[in-house]
């Protein structure tokens, strides 16, 4: 495989657990039992994960040989809400 295909594979493999991490931090931030300092920590985790997501999206765009848009994934949270993401949605926007 060429370097671009390898980078795309790595970016996609990293994106899968990152999507889960963002979904879980979103649930944590929305929890009514979460203390202020824990909510702040969850928000920071979500922000850093979103930053990584942006880097991965740039990597995928730079290595893409197709003109199609990135595939969108839909995750259902434990609360039953669906979140749609190009790679991942910025969950801190709702905080």
C-alpha atoms as a PDB file:
ATOM      1  CA  UNK A   1       0.000   0.000   0.000  1.00  0.00           C
ATOM      2  CA  UNK A   2       1.184   3.502  -0.680  1.00  0.00           C
ATOM      3  CA  UNK A   3       1.765   6.053   2.081  1.00  0.00           C
ATOM      4  CA  UNK A   4      -1.560   7.825   1.444  1.00  0.00           C
ATOM      5  CA  UNK A   5      -3.553   4.607   1.823  1.00  0.00           C
ATOM      6  CA  UNK A   6      -1.634   3.761   4.990  1.00  0.00           C
ATOM      7  CA  UNK A   7      -2.336   7.202   6.474  1.00  0.00           C
ATOM      8  CA  UNK A   8      -6.022   6.909   5.585  1.00  0.00           C
ATOM      9  CA  UNK A   9      -6.203   3.543   7.310  1.00  0.00           C
ATOM     10  CA  UNK A  10      -4.532   4.878  10.452  1.00  0.00           C
ATOM     11  CA  UNK A  11      -6.765   7.951  10.514  1.00  0.00           C
ATOM     12  CA  UNK A  12      -9.890   5.817  10.160  1.00  0.00           C
ATOM     13  CA  UNK A  13      -8.761   3.430  12.907  1.00  0.00           C
ATOM     14  CA  UNK A  14      -8.118   6.364  15.262  1.00  0.00           C
ATOM     15  CA  UNK A  15     -11.426   7.964  14.380  1.00  0.00           C
ATOM     16  CA  UNK A  16     -13.513   4.998  15.574  1.00  0.00           C
ATOM     17  CA  UNK A  17     -12.559   5.144  19.279  1.00  0.00           C
ATOM     18  CA  UNK A  18     -12.455   8.937  19.087  1.00  0.00           C
ATOM     19  CA  UNK A  19     -16.108   9.005  18.058  1.00  0.00           C
ATOM     20  CA  UNK A  20     -16.969   6.862  21.082  1.00  0.00           C
ATOM     21  CA  UNK A  21     -14.929   9.104  23.372  1.00  0.00           C
ATOM     22  CA  UNK A  22     -16.757  12.194  22.159  1.00  0.00           C
ATOM     23  CA  UNK A  23     -20.149  10.532  22.557  1.00  0.00           C
ATOM     24  CA  UNK A  24     -19.310   9.465  26.111  1.00  0.00           C
ATOM     25  CA  UNK A  25     -18.020  12.895  27.103  1.00  0.00           C
ATOM     26  CA  UNK A  26     -21.218  14.400  25.692  1.00  0.00           C
ATOM     27  CA  UNK A  27     -23.257  12.100  27.902  1.00  0.00           C
ATOM     28  CA  UNK A  28     -21.077  12.941  30.895  1.00  0.00           C
ATOM     29  CA  UNK A  29     -21.411  16.682  30.400  1.00  0.00           C
ATOM     30  CA  UNK A  30     -25.201  16.337  30.202  1.00  0.00           C
ATOM     31  CA  UNK A  31     -25.378  14.303  33.422  1.00  0.00           C
ATOM     32  CA  UNK A  32     -27.307  16.149  36.147  1.00  0.00           C
ATOM     33  CA  UNK A  33     -25.198  14.454  38.843  1.00  0.00           C
ATOM     34  CA  UNK A  34     -21.848  15.650  37.492  1.00  0.00           C
ATOM     35  CA  UNK A  35     -20.049  18.208  39.632  1.00  0.00           C
ATOM     36  CA  UNK A  36     -18.752  21.474  38.186  1.00  0.00           C
ATOM     37  CA  UNK A  37     -15.061  20.453  38.212  1.00  0.00           C
ATOM     38  CA  UNK A  38     -15.874  17.093  36.601  1.00  0.00           C
ATOM     39  CA  UNK A  39     -18.041  18.825  33.986  1.00  0.00           C
ATOM     40  CA  UNK A  40     -15.152  21.173  33.229  1.00  0.00           C
ATOM     41  CA  UNK A  41     -12.782  18.192  32.865  1.00  0.00           C
ATOM     42  CA  UNK A  42     -15.235  16.420  30.528  1.00  0.00           C
ATOM     43  CA  UNK A  43     -15.573  19.585  28.463  1.00  0.00           C
ATOM     44  CA  UNK A  44     -11.775  19.821  28.180  1.00  0.00           C
ATOM     45  CA  UNK A  45     -11.539  16.161  27.137  1.00  0.00           C
ATOM     46  CA  UNK A  46     -14.197  16.775  24.479  1.00  0.00           C
ATOM     47  CA  UNK A  47     -12.352  19.871  23.209  1.00  0.00           C
ATOM     48  CA  UNK A  48      -9.047  18.001  22.914  1.00  0.00           C
ATOM     49  CA  UNK A  49     -10.738  15.046  21.228  1.00  0.00           C
ATOM     50  CA  UNK A  50     -12.400  17.453  18.797  1.00  0.00           C
ATOM     51  CA  UNK A  51      -8.993  18.962  18.038  1.00  0.00           C
ATOM     52  CA  UNK A  52      -7.671  15.496  17.233  1.00  0.00           C
ATOM     53  CA  UNK A  53     -10.749  14.856  15.104  1.00  0.00           C
ATOM     54  CA  UNK A  54      -9.991  17.991  13.104  1.00  0.00           C
ATOM     55  CA  UNK A  55      -6.409  16.845  12.508  1.00  0.00           C
ATOM     56  CA  UNK A  56      -7.660  13.434  11.367  1.00  0.00           C
ATOM     57  CA  UNK A  57     -10.191  15.042   9.021  1.00  0.00           C
ATOM     58  CA  UNK A  58      -7.414  17.178   7.515  1.00  0.00           C
ATOM     59  CA  UNK A  59      -5.256  14.081   7.118  1.00  0.00           C
ATOM     60  CA  UNK A  60      -8.073  12.213   5.378  1.00  0.00           C
ATOM     61  CA  UNK A  61      -8.735  15.172   3.094  1.00  0.00           C
ATOM     62  CA  UNK A  62      -5.059  15.565   2.228  1.00  0.00           C
ATOM     63  CA  UNK A  63      -4.646  11.880   1.412  1.00  0.00           C
ATOM     64  CA  UNK A  64      -7.952  11.391  -0.370  1.00  0.00           C
ATOM     65  CA  UNK A  65      -7.790  10.583  -4.052  1.00  0.00           C
ATOM     66  CA  UNK A  66     -11.544  10.804  -4.448  1.00  0.00           C
ATOM     67  CA  UNK A  67     -13.669  13.915  -4.686  1.00  0.00           C
ATOM     68  CA  UNK A  68     -16.425  12.524  -2.475  1.00  0.00           C
ATOM     69  CA  UNK A  69     -17.239  13.990   0.910  1.00  0.00           C
ATOM     70  CA  UNK A  70     -16.109  12.120   4.039  1.00  0.00           C
ATOM     71  CA  UNK A  71     -18.524   9.390   5.086  1.00  0.00           C
ATOM     72  CA  UNK A  72     -20.899  10.432   7.832  1.00  0.00           C
ATOM     73  CA  UNK A  73     -21.436   8.155  10.771  1.00  0.00           C
ATOM     74  CA  UNK A  74     -24.371   8.152  13.148  1.00  0.00           C
ATOM     75  CA  UNK A  75     -23.974   7.141  16.765  1.00  0.00           C
ATOM     76  CA  UNK A  76     -26.866   6.638  19.126  1.00  0.00           C
ATOM     77  CA  UNK A  77     -26.145   7.808  22.635  1.00  0.00           C
ATOM     78  CA  UNK A  78     -27.392   6.060  25.740  1.00  0.00           C
ATOM     79  CA  UNK A  79     -30.085   8.702  26.009  1.00  0.00           C
ATOM     80  CA  UNK A  80     -31.389   7.561  22.620  1.00  0.00           C
ATOM     81  CA  UNK A  81     -30.327  10.704  20.788  1.00  0.00           C
ATOM     82  CA  UNK A  82     -28.556  10.330  17.464  1.00  0.00           C
ATOM     83  CA  UNK A  83     -25.443  12.319  16.739  1.00  0.00           C
ATOM     84  CA  UNK A  84     -24.261  12.657  13.167  1.00  0.00           C
ATOM     85  CA  UNK A  85     -20.650  13.411  12.467  1.00  0.00           C
ATOM     86  CA  UNK A  86     -18.415  13.964   9.438  1.00  0.00           C
ATOM     87  CA  UNK A  87     -15.707  12.405  11.508  1.00  0.00           C
ATOM     88  CA  UNK A  88     -17.107  13.469  14.828  1.00  0.00           C
ATOM     89  CA  UNK A  89     -19.453  16.251  15.839  1.00  0.00           C
ATOM     90  CA  UNK A  90     -18.250  18.991  18.115  1.00  0.00           C
ATOM     91  CA  UNK A  91     -20.031  17.972  21.293  1.00  0.00           C
ATOM     92  CA  UNK A  92     -18.791  20.991  23.223  1.00  0.00           C
ATOM     93  CA  UNK A  93     -21.051  23.222  21.103  1.00  0.00           C
ATOM     94  CA  UNK A  94     -24.015  22.080  23.179  1.00  0.00           C
ATOM     95  CA  UNK A  95     -22.343  22.751  26.534  1.00  0.00           C
END
